[in-house]
Amino acid sequence: MKLHIVPARTGFQWVKLGAKTFFRQPLAMGGLFFMFMAAVSVLSLIPLLGTLISLALVPAATLGLMAASREAEQGRFPMPTLLVTAFRSGPANTRSILVLGAMYAAALMLVFGVGALLAPDVPAIEMPEGEVSPERVRAMFNNPGLWVALVLYVPVLMAFWHAPALVHWYGVSPFKSLFFSLMACWANKGAMLLYSLGWMAVIMMAGVVMNLLAVLLGGAALLNIVLYPMVLLLAAMFHTSIWFTVRDSFVTQEDRAA
């Protein structure tokens, strides 16, 4: 395995490949992502422990969606069993992905904890359910804890971005995978930046389209009906694209020989 440096413009290509691959198998890719979200929703019913388990399963679920994206890219139908790919390759791989999940949960709880400590004590703003006021938005963006948590989350995200794939497909240990993932994201920071900006643009365009439809066809009621499915679709499409960032960031001896 060797790190592969890609041009910055590849970031936009990853976005396009993610969308293209998703629409090859929209029911399968959307269904797999929905299954993961359903499992998280059920686990969240368990106080505290459910949240920790949900966070710990994120690397395994990410790997499963990568495996499904790889199948869809090659023209095959991604089966539901791919979602548990991390637990189907023997005890050693299972142990490694569980260790990685535990480290991810611990890192996220640390980030949340630091953010909560720095959050100011502000009185709750009573608003009707579902309504967002300018005061609530202003209070959220004026929260220093939010910005500190976001800054702290960036290196955590970089460290865990490629880690599930490195552990499962390349046999890298959980601790080394975090270092290699961080280095790969940094080495391809131009592509990763354009990749992030590309998805931000997609999300913003989707928001504009939904607002226009709400105005033309029925107001806020219609927006509430289509909002959740649209968010799930965009999230599933985004997770489909993660595989391409991994595929192009690392090469093996077989890849170089081909």
C-alpha atoms as a PDB file:
ATOM      1  CA  MET A   1       0.000   0.000   0.000  1.00  0.00           C
ATOM      2  CA  LYS A   2       1.257   3.462  -0.915  1.00  0.00           C
ATOM      3  CA  LEU A   3      -0.222   6.922  -0.592  1.00  0.00           C
ATOM      4  CA  HIS A   4      -1.377   8.369  -3.913  1.00  0.00           C
ATOM      5  CA  ILE A   5      -1.435  12.151  -4.405  1.00  0.00           C
ATOM      6  CA  VAL A   6      -4.270  13.313  -6.647  1.00  0.00           C
ATOM      7  CA  PRO A   7      -4.913  16.700  -8.308  1.00  0.00           C
ATOM      8  CA  ALA A   8      -7.205  19.064  -6.421  1.00  0.00           C
ATOM      9  CA  ARG A   9      -9.857  18.852  -9.160  1.00  0.00           C
ATOM     10  CA  THR A  10     -10.312  15.172  -8.279  1.00  0.00           C
ATOM     11  CA  GLY A  11     -12.422  16.350  -5.329  1.00  0.00           C
ATOM     12  CA  PHE A  12     -15.203  17.432  -7.704  1.00  0.00           C
ATOM     13  CA  GLN A  13     -14.822  14.127  -9.546  1.00  0.00           C
ATOM     14  CA  TRP A  14     -15.460  12.245  -6.300  1.00  0.00           C
ATOM     15  CA  VAL A  15     -18.723  14.141  -5.850  1.00  0.00           C
ATOM     16  CA  LYS A  16     -19.838  13.296  -9.392  1.00  0.00           C
ATOM     17  CA  LEU A  17     -18.842   9.638  -9.050  1.00  0.00           C
ATOM     18  CA  GLY A  18     -20.744   9.375  -5.771  1.00  0.00           C
ATOM     19  CA  ALA A  19     -23.928  10.764  -7.338  1.00  0.00           C
ATOM     20  CA  LYS A  20     -23.534   8.664 -10.493  1.00  0.00           C
ATOM     21  CA  THR A  21     -22.950   5.445  -8.559  1.00  0.00           C
ATOM     22  CA  PHE A  22     -25.837   6.156  -6.201  1.00  0.00           C
ATOM     23  CA  PHE A  23     -28.272   6.546  -9.093  1.00  0.00           C
ATOM     24  CA  ARG A  24     -27.077   3.244 -10.560  1.00  0.00           C
ATOM     25  CA  GLN A  25     -28.525   1.511  -7.499  1.00  0.00           C
ATOM     26  CA  PRO A  26     -30.642   4.133  -5.684  1.00  0.00           C
ATOM     27  CA  LEU A  27     -32.928   1.659  -3.905  1.00  0.00           C
ATOM     28  CA  ALA A  28     -30.041  -0.474  -2.675  1.00  0.00           C
ATOM     29  CA  MET A  29     -27.782   2.390  -1.571  1.00  0.00           C
ATOM     30  CA  GLY A  30     -30.660   4.360  -0.055  1.00  0.00           C
ATOM     31  CA  GLY A  31     -32.001   1.242   1.642  1.00  0.00           C
ATOM     32  CA  LEU A  32     -28.647   0.359   3.201  1.00  0.00           C
ATOM     33  CA  PHE A  33     -28.229   3.850   4.576  1.00  0.00           C
ATOM     34  CA  PHE A  34     -31.794   3.804   5.894  1.00  0.00           C
ATOM     35  CA  MET A  35     -31.107   0.470   7.627  1.00  0.00           C
ATOM     36  CA  PHE A  36     -28.148   2.013   9.430  1.00  0.00           C
ATOM     37  CA  MET A  37     -30.170   5.060  10.453  1.00  0.00           C
ATOM     38  CA  ALA A  38     -32.998   2.822  11.671  1.00  0.00           C
ATOM     39  CA  ALA A  39     -30.546   0.850  13.809  1.00  0.00           C
ATOM     40  CA  VAL A  40     -29.176   4.090  15.263  1.00  0.00           C
ATOM     41  CA  SER A  41     -32.707   5.287  16.030  1.00  0.00           C
ATOM     42  CA  VAL A  42     -33.497   2.073  17.903  1.00  0.00           C
ATOM     43  CA  LEU A  43     -30.213   2.197  19.841  1.00  0.00           C
ATOM     44  CA  SER A  44     -30.829   5.839  20.774  1.00  0.00           C
ATOM     45  CA  LEU A  45     -33.784   4.687  22.863  1.00  0.00           C
ATOM     46  CA  ILE A  46     -31.253   3.257  25.341  1.00  0.00           C
ATOM     47  CA  PRO A  47     -30.064   6.122  27.584  1.00  0.00           C
ATOM     48  CA  LEU A  48     -26.353   6.990  27.169  1.00  0.00           C
ATOM     49  CA  LEU A  49     -25.267   3.436  26.315  1.00  0.00           C
ATOM     50  CA  GLY A  50     -27.274   3.552  23.098  1.00  0.00           C
ATOM     51  CA  THR A  51     -25.489   6.731  22.011  1.00  0.00           C
ATOM     52  CA  LEU A  52     -22.078   5.203  22.729  1.00  0.00           C
ATOM     53  CA  ILE A  53     -22.918   2.029  20.788  1.00  0.00           C
ATOM     54  CA  SER A  54     -24.241   4.101  17.871  1.00  0.00           C
ATOM     55  CA  LEU A  55     -21.024   6.114  17.688  1.00  0.00           C
ATOM     56  CA  ALA A  56     -18.906   2.967  17.973  1.00  0.00           C
ATOM     57  CA  LEU A  57     -20.739   1.421  15.005  1.00  0.00           C
ATOM     58  CA  VAL A  58     -20.047   4.369  12.677  1.00  0.00           C
ATOM     59  CA  PRO A  59     -16.694   3.010  11.328  1.00  0.00           C
ATOM     60  CA  ALA A  60     -18.249  -0.415  10.668  1.00  0.00           C
ATOM     61  CA  ALA A  61     -21.274   1.140   8.941  1.00  0.00           C
ATOM     62  CA  THR A  62     -19.023   3.412   6.886  1.00  0.00           C
ATOM     63  CA  LEU A  63     -17.036   0.375   5.754  1.00  0.00           C
ATOM     64  CA  GLY A  64     -20.249  -1.429   4.827  1.00  0.00           C
ATOM     65  CA  LEU A  65     -21.407   1.489   2.704  1.00  0.00           C
ATOM     66  CA  MET A  66     -17.966   1.650   1.055  1.00  0.00           C
ATOM     67  CA  ALA A  67     -18.257  -2.045   0.172  1.00  0.00           C
ATOM     68  CA  ALA A  68     -21.733  -1.426  -1.244  1.00  0.00           C
ATOM     69  CA  SER A  69     -20.454   1.519  -3.297  1.00  0.00           C
ATOM     70  CA  ARG A  70     -17.682  -0.664  -4.701  1.00  0.00           C
ATOM     71  CA  GLU A  71     -20.243  -3.285  -5.724  1.00  0.00           C
ATOM     72  CA  ALA A  72     -22.475  -0.674  -7.367  1.00  0.00           C
ATOM     73  CA  GLU A  73     -19.481   0.842  -9.179  1.00  0.00           C
ATOM     74  CA  GLN A  74     -18.720  -2.576 -10.673  1.00  0.00           C
ATOM     75  CA  GLY A  75     -22.312  -2.982 -11.869  1.00  0.00           C
ATOM     76  CA  ARG A  76     -23.419  -5.428  -9.184  1.00  0.00           C
ATOM     77  CA  PHE A  77     -26.410  -5.107  -6.877  1.00  0.00           C
ATOM     78  CA  PRO A  78     -25.284  -4.335  -3.285  1.00  0.00           C
ATOM     79  CA  MET A  79     -26.838  -6.900  -0.985  1.00  0.00           C
ATOM     80  CA  PRO A  80     -27.968  -5.970   2.561  1.00  0.00           C
ATOM     81  CA  THR A  81     -25.302  -8.257   4.043  1.00  0.00           C
ATOM     82  CA  LEU A  82     -22.642  -5.807   2.852  1.00  0.00           C
ATOM     83  CA  LEU A  83     -23.641  -3.494   5.675  1.00  0.00           C
ATOM     84  CA  VAL A  84     -21.977  -5.903   8.118  1.00  0.00           C
ATOM     85  CA  THR A  85     -18.870  -6.464   5.974  1.00  0.00           C
ATOM     86  CA  ALA A  86     -16.667  -5.465   8.912  1.00  0.00           C
ATOM     87  CA  PHE A  87     -17.872  -8.444  10.946  1.00  0.00           C
ATOM     88  CA  ARG A  88     -17.620 -11.104   8.238  1.00  0.00           C
ATOM     89  CA  SER A  89     -13.848 -11.379   7.770  1.00  0.00           C
ATOM     90  CA  GLY A  90     -12.775 -13.274  10.854  1.00  0.00           C
ATOM     91  CA  PRO A  91     -12.192 -12.469  14.525  1.00  0.00           C
ATOM     92  CA  ALA A  92      -9.047 -10.391  13.930  1.00  0.00           C
ATOM     93  CA  ASN A  93     -10.786  -7.947  11.568  1.00  0.00           C
ATOM     94  CA  THR A  94     -13.847  -7.812  13.791  1.00  0.00           C
ATOM     95  CA  ARG A  95     -11.692  -6.998  16.801  1.00  0.00           C
ATOM     96  CA  SER A  96      -9.831  -4.283  14.896  1.00  0.00           C
ATOM     97  CA  ILE A  97     -12.995  -2.572  13.665  1.00  0.00           C
ATOM     98  CA  LEU A  98     -14.502  -2.700  17.171  1.00  0.00           C
ATOM     99  CA  VAL A  99     -11.351  -1.106  18.601  1.00  0.00           C
ATOM    100  CA  LEU A 100     -11.576   1.567  15.919  1.00  0.00           C
ATOM    101  CA  GLY A 101     -15.230   2.128  16.798  1.00  0.00           C
ATOM    102  CA  ALA A 102     -14.435   2.463  20.496  1.00  0.00           C
ATOM    103  CA  MET A 103     -11.750   5.053  19.699  1.00  0.00           C
ATOM    104  CA  TYR A 104     -14.194   6.973  17.491  1.00  0.00           C
ATOM    105  CA  ALA A 105     -16.846   7.011  20.216  1.00  0.00           C
ATOM    106  CA  ALA A 106     -14.283   8.186  22.789  1.00  0.00           C
ATOM    107  CA  ALA A 107     -13.002  10.933  20.462  1.00  0.00           C
ATOM    108  CA  LEU A 108     -16.523  12.188  19.721  1.00  0.00           C
ATOM    109  CA  MET A 109     -17.506  12.210  23.387  1.00  0.00           C
ATOM    110  CA  LEU A 110     -14.364  14.204  24.141  1.00  0.00           C
ATOM    111  CA  VAL A 111     -15.198  16.725  21.403  1.00  0.00           C
ATOM    112  CA  PHE A 112     -18.794  17.013  22.636  1.00  0.00           C
ATOM    113  CA  GLY A 113     -17.600  17.376  26.221  1.00  0.00           C
ATOM    114  CA  VAL A 114     -15.199  20.217  25.415  1.00  0.00           C
ATOM    115  CA  GLY A 115     -17.897  21.960  23.405  1.00  0.00           C
ATOM    116  CA  ALA A 116     -20.406  21.611  26.232  1.00  0.00           C
ATOM    117  CA  LEU A 117     -17.939  23.015  28.766  1.00  0.00           C
ATOM    118  CA  LEU A 118     -17.418  26.132  26.654  1.00  0.00           C
ATOM    119  CA  ALA A 119     -21.087  26.628  25.828  1.00  0.00           C
ATOM    120  CA  PRO A 120     -22.572  29.699  27.567  1.00  0.00           C
ATOM    121  CA  ASP A 121     -25.551  29.405  29.869  1.00  0.00           C
ATOM    122  CA  VAL A 122     -28.429  30.978  27.962  1.00  0.00           C
ATOM    123  CA  PRO A 123     -32.136  30.884  28.770  1.00  0.00           C
ATOM    124  CA  ALA A 124     -34.228  28.590  26.609  1.00  0.00           C
ATOM    125  CA  ILE A 125     -36.196  30.357  23.881  1.00  0.00           C
ATOM    126  CA  GLU A 126     -39.761  29.122  23.849  1.00  0.00           C
ATOM    127  CA  MET A 127     -40.966  28.654  20.270  1.00  0.00           C
ATOM    128  CA  PRO A 128     -43.732  26.624  18.648  1.00  0.00           C
ATOM    129  CA  GLU A 129     -42.616  23.128  17.667  1.00  0.00           C
ATOM    130  CA  GLY A 130     -40.723  23.067  14.375  1.00  0.00           C
ATOM    131  CA  GLU A 131     -40.339  26.840  14.160  1.00  0.00           C
ATOM    132  CA  VAL A 132     -36.864  28.374  13.999  1.00  0.00           C
ATOM    133  CA  SER A 133     -36.504  31.967  15.163  1.00  0.00           C
ATOM    134  CA  PRO A 134     -33.701  34.402  14.264  1.00  0.00           C
ATOM    135  CA  GLU A 135     -32.864  34.581  17.982  1.00  0.00           C
ATOM    136  CA  ARG A 136     -32.358  30.810  18.151  1.00  0.00           C
ATOM    137  CA  VAL A 137     -30.125  30.812  15.063  1.00  0.00           C
ATOM    138  CA  ARG A 138     -28.132  33.777  16.399  1.00  0.00           C
ATOM    139  CA  ALA A 139     -27.652  32.081  19.769  1.00  0.00           C
ATOM    140  CA  MET A 140     -26.437  28.911  18.061  1.00  0.00           C
ATOM    141  CA  PHE A 141     -23.812  30.714  15.955  1.00  0.00           C
ATOM    142  CA  ASN A 142     -22.700  32.871  18.890  1.00  0.00           C
ATOM    143  CA  ASN A 143     -21.940  29.750  20.916  1.00  0.00           C
ATOM    144  CA  PRO A 144     -18.127  29.447  21.250  1.00  0.00           C
ATOM    145  CA  GLY A 145     -18.505  25.816  22.290  1.00  0.00           C
ATOM    146  CA  LEU A 146     -19.979  25.006  18.872  1.00  0.00           C
ATOM    147  CA  TRP A 147     -17.028  26.518  17.007  1.00  0.00           C
ATOM    148  CA  VAL A 148     -14.450  24.884  19.267  1.00  0.00           C
ATOM    149  CA  ALA A 149     -16.155  21.507  18.808  1.00  0.00           C
ATOM    150  CA  LEU A 150     -16.172  21.962  15.025  1.00  0.00           C
ATOM    151  CA  VAL A 151     -12.461  22.837  14.991  1.00  0.00           C
ATOM    152  CA  LEU A 152     -11.635  19.831  17.174  1.00  0.00           C
ATOM    153  CA  TYR A 153     -13.772  17.549  15.019  1.00  0.00           C
ATOM    154  CA  VAL A 154     -11.844  18.297  11.812  1.00  0.00           C
ATOM    155  CA  PRO A 155      -8.679  16.332  12.762  1.00  0.00           C
ATOM    156  CA  VAL A 156     -10.866  13.575  14.243  1.00  0.00           C
ATOM    157  CA  LEU A 157     -12.752  13.326  10.951  1.00  0.00           C
ATOM    158  CA  MET A 158      -9.490  13.250   8.987  1.00  0.00           C
ATOM    159  CA  ALA A 159      -8.041  10.525  11.207  1.00  0.00           C
ATOM    160  CA  PHE A 160     -11.095   8.273  10.868  1.00  0.00           C
ATOM    161  CA  TRP A 161     -11.923   9.063   7.214  1.00  0.00           C
ATOM    162  CA  HIS A 162      -9.888   6.272   5.604  1.00  0.00           C
ATOM    163  CA  ALA A 163      -9.303   4.237   8.754  1.00  0.00           C
ATOM    164  CA  PRO A 164     -12.116   1.618   8.352  1.00  0.00           C
ATOM    165  CA  ALA A 165     -10.925   0.759   4.835  1.00  0.00           C
ATOM    166  CA  LEU A 166      -7.281   0.639   5.911  1.00  0.00           C
ATOM    167  CA  VAL A 167      -8.103  -1.733   8.761  1.00  0.00           C
ATOM    168  CA  HIS A 168     -10.343  -4.027   6.713  1.00  0.00           C
ATOM    169  CA  TRP A 169      -8.853  -4.128   3.206  1.00  0.00           C
ATOM    170  CA  TYR A 170      -5.201  -3.316   3.889  1.00  0.00           C
ATOM    171  CA  GLY A 171      -4.723  -5.058   7.249  1.00  0.00           C
ATOM    172  CA  VAL A 172      -3.446  -1.934   9.015  1.00  0.00           C
ATOM    173  CA  SER A 173      -3.735  -1.839  12.810  1.00  0.00           C
ATOM    174  CA  PRO A 174      -6.362   0.543  14.239  1.00  0.00           C
ATOM    175  CA  PHE A 175      -3.798   2.979  15.681  1.00  0.00           C
ATOM    176  CA  LYS A 176      -1.667   3.079  12.535  1.00  0.00           C
ATOM    177  CA  SER A 177      -4.762   3.479  10.375  1.00  0.00           C
ATOM    178  CA  LEU A 178      -5.571   6.763  12.146  1.00  0.00           C
ATOM    179  CA  PHE A 179      -2.107   8.132  11.362  1.00  0.00           C
ATOM    180  CA  PHE A 180      -2.165   6.984   7.724  1.00  0.00           C
ATOM    181  CA  SER A 181      -5.674   8.377   7.239  1.00  0.00           C
ATOM    182  CA  LEU A 182      -4.671  11.736   8.701  1.00  0.00           C
ATOM    183  CA  MET A 183      -1.596  11.898   6.454  1.00  0.00           C
ATOM    184  CA  ALA A 184      -3.611  10.904   3.374  1.00  0.00           C
ATOM    185  CA  CYS A 185      -6.229  13.597   3.996  1.00  0.00           C
ATOM    186  CA  TRP A 186      -3.508  16.186   4.543  1.00  0.00           C
ATOM    187  CA  ALA A 187      -1.516  15.132   1.463  1.00  0.00           C
ATOM    188  CA  ASN A 188      -4.677  15.397  -0.656  1.00  0.00           C
ATOM    189  CA  LYS A 189      -6.013  18.439   1.181  1.00  0.00           C
ATOM    190  CA  GLY A 190      -6.747  20.278  -2.077  1.00  0.00           C
ATOM    191  CA  ALA A 191      -8.934  17.464  -3.364  1.00  0.00           C
ATOM    192  CA  MET A 192     -10.586  17.001   0.037  1.00  0.00           C
ATOM    193  CA  LEU A 193     -11.346  20.734   0.228  1.00  0.00           C
ATOM    194  CA  LEU A 194     -12.961  20.782  -3.217  1.00  0.00           C
ATOM    195  CA  TYR A 195     -14.798  17.565  -2.330  1.00  0.00           C
ATOM    196  CA  SER A 196     -16.247  19.270   0.773  1.00  0.00           C
ATOM    197  CA  LEU A 197     -17.120  22.433  -1.162  1.00  0.00           C
ATOM    198  CA  GLY A 198     -18.733  20.340  -3.886  1.00  0.00           C
ATOM    199  CA  TRP A 199     -21.044  18.626  -1.411  1.00  0.00           C
ATOM    200  CA  MET A 200     -21.834  21.942   0.246  1.00  0.00           C
ATOM    201  CA  ALA A 201     -22.884  23.277  -3.152  1.00  0.00           C
ATOM    202  CA  VAL A 202     -25.066  20.209  -3.789  1.00  0.00           C
ATOM    203  CA  ILE A 203     -26.773  20.611  -0.419  1.00  0.00           C
ATOM    204  CA  MET A 204     -27.343  24.331  -0.959  1.00  0.00           C
ATOM    205  CA  MET A 205     -28.830  23.714  -4.423  1.00  0.00           C
ATOM    206  CA  ALA A 206     -31.110  21.036  -3.003  1.00  0.00           C
ATOM    207  CA  GLY A 207     -32.276  23.510  -0.350  1.00  0.00           C
ATOM    208  CA  VAL A 208     -33.034  26.135  -2.972  1.00  0.00           C
ATOM    209  CA  VAL A 209     -35.010  23.641  -5.059  1.00  0.00           C
ATOM    210  CA  MET A 210     -37.033  22.485  -2.045  1.00  0.00           C
ATOM    211  CA  ASN A 211     -37.852  26.061  -1.065  1.00  0.00           C
ATOM    212  CA  LEU A 212     -38.984  26.857  -4.606  1.00  0.00           C
ATOM    213  CA  LEU A 213     -41.184  23.763  -4.679  1.00  0.00           C
ATOM    214  CA  ALA A 214     -42.671  24.678  -1.315  1.00  0.00           C
ATOM    215  CA  VAL A 215     -43.532  28.171  -2.556  1.00  0.00           C
ATOM    216  CA  LEU A 216     -44.985  26.962  -5.857  1.00  0.00           C
ATOM    217  CA  LEU A 217     -46.865  23.862  -4.717  1.00  0.00           C
ATOM    218  CA  GLY A 218     -48.119  24.255  -1.196  1.00  0.00           C
ATOM    219  CA  GLY A 219     -46.042  26.128   1.338  1.00  0.00           C
ATOM    220  CA  ALA A 220     -44.377  24.818   4.476  1.00  0.00           C
ATOM    221  CA  ALA A 221     -46.531  21.674   4.717  1.00  0.00           C
ATOM    222  CA  LEU A 222     -45.046  20.283   1.511  1.00  0.00           C
ATOM    223  CA  LEU A 223     -41.542  21.244   2.621  1.00  0.00           C
ATOM    224  CA  ASN A 224     -41.960  19.244   5.835  1.00  0.00           C
ATOM    225  CA  ILE A 225     -43.122  16.208   3.828  1.00  0.00           C
ATOM    226  CA  VAL A 226     -40.175  16.146   1.397  1.00  0.00           C
ATOM    227  CA  LEU A 227     -37.459  17.442   3.724  1.00  0.00           C
ATOM    228  CA  TYR A 228     -36.638  14.215   5.578  1.00  0.00           C
ATOM    229  CA  PRO A 229     -36.559  11.962   2.469  1.00  0.00           C
ATOM    230  CA  MET A 230     -34.378  14.536   0.701  1.00  0.00           C
ATOM    231  CA  VAL A 231     -31.946  14.678   3.621  1.00  0.00           C
ATOM    232  CA  LEU A 232     -31.722  10.872   3.672  1.00  0.00           C
ATOM    233  CA  LEU A 233     -31.140  10.777  -0.086  1.00  0.00           C
ATOM    234  CA  LEU A 234     -28.350  13.363   0.078  1.00  0.00           C
ATOM    235  CA  ALA A 235     -26.735  11.624   3.051  1.00  0.00           C
ATOM    236  CA  ALA A 236     -26.841   8.254   1.270  1.00  0.00           C
ATOM    237  CA  MET A 237     -25.372   9.824  -1.857  1.00  0.00           C
ATOM    238  CA  PHE A 238     -22.600  11.446   0.178  1.00  0.00           C
ATOM    239  CA  HIS A 239     -21.712   8.151   1.850  1.00  0.00           C
ATOM    240  CA  THR A 240     -21.624   6.501  -1.578  1.00  0.00           C
ATOM    241  CA  SER A 241     -18.906   8.946  -2.617  1.00  0.00           C
ATOM    242  CA  ILE A 242     -16.610   8.135   0.336  1.00  0.00           C
ATOM    243  CA  TRP A 243     -15.414   4.943  -1.361  1.00  0.00           C
ATOM    244  CA  PHE A 244     -13.917   6.931  -4.242  1.00  0.00           C
ATOM    245  CA  THR A 245     -11.862   9.096  -1.894  1.00  0.00           C
ATOM    246  CA  VAL A 246     -10.339   5.919  -0.456  1.00  0.00           C
ATOM    247  CA  ARG A 247      -9.877   4.190  -3.807  1.00  0.00           C
ATOM    248  CA  ASP A 248      -7.910   7.096  -5.273  1.00  0.00           C
ATOM    249  CA  SER A 249      -5.869   7.947  -2.161  1.00  0.00           C
ATOM    250  CA  PHE A 250      -4.064   4.602  -1.864  1.00  0.00           C
ATOM    251  CA  VAL A 251      -2.525   2.232  -4.380  1.00  0.00           C
ATOM    252  CA  THR A 252      -1.174  -1.295  -3.970  1.00  0.00           C
ATOM    253  CA  GLN A 253       1.538  -3.171  -5.848  1.00  0.00           C
ATOM    254  CA  GLU A 254      -1.181  -4.774  -7.988  1.00  0.00           C
ATOM    255  CA  ASP A 255      -2.537  -1.329  -8.908  1.00  0.00           C
ATOM    256  CA  ARG A 256       0.924  -0.085  -9.889  1.00  0.00           C
ATOM    257  CA  ALA A 257       1.582  -3.224 -11.952  1.00  0.00           C
ATOM    258  CA  ALA A 258      -1.731  -2.826 -13.803  1.00  0.00           C
END
